[in-house]
């Protein structure tokens, strides 16, 4: 199968995910495992690209805001001598990340992106992956990221372009809307700072310099249609929460809908069978201002 996903450089690391228990859901698993099945496989491919885009250097102090299960922290830690701190409000995510990646140069802790505990000007690079648009106040999250970044440091983030770029989710929501037009407000294309230009405008509005926005395409392979579909049923992120809330008949109708299989084929996915999903992401970055670091 093949589908495409776009991430915009709008701080898009997401905050706590919800879980549900629908009829015919896979065996209940920890929240972190559900996230890994649903979105973690995407973020692990995207994270190294954001690290390169943010120009992370050897020995940099790096903050990963909304670190989730640690994909971005792990990519930053691959740069020699970096010191990486990951912060997330989910104990399940933090425990998973600490178990997989924790060590002398990488640590994880519970924390709130809107009220970071760190002193001003602590980090050389402050990054966020697939999280900012999940915050109730993305601007407040950016202010905190700027506050803890040293003058001449870099603030960088990435979010999905739900409207056109994230094929996996676009196909899902198009079918869901076709079956039930009343759920349009839940479609992730409505999320804040998830369209081209929106993160750049936010960055520029807070005085960041040399703002750059860039798109990136990544691919993900699926071994079967179920490999594409089953992770939705773990109740992760808005699409998963919606899928997990459906009754058995409604869930089966969505899974076998008129748009999903043709949509996957149009995206380059032979259905059934092996498919590759494509995701395009955009980034926005900013060097903090000299002197006061605003």
Foldseek 3Di string as FASTA:
>chain_A
DAAFWAKWFAAAQAADFDFFAAPPAPDADDPLVLCCLAPVVVLLQCQLVQLVVQVQAAQWEEEEENCFLNSNVVNSPVHHNYAYEYEGQDPSSQVNNCVVPNDDRYHYDYDDLLCGPDAFQQGQEYEHERHLLNDPDSLSSVVSSLRNHHAQGKYKHMHILQPPGQGLLVLLVVLVCVVPVVCVCLRCNVTPPNHPPRNQVSCVVVPFPPKDKAKAKDKAKAFFLCSSVNSLCRRTDSSSVVLVPDHPVVNVCSSPDPRNQVSQVVSVQNHGGMYMYMGMMMMIMGRAHPDPSD
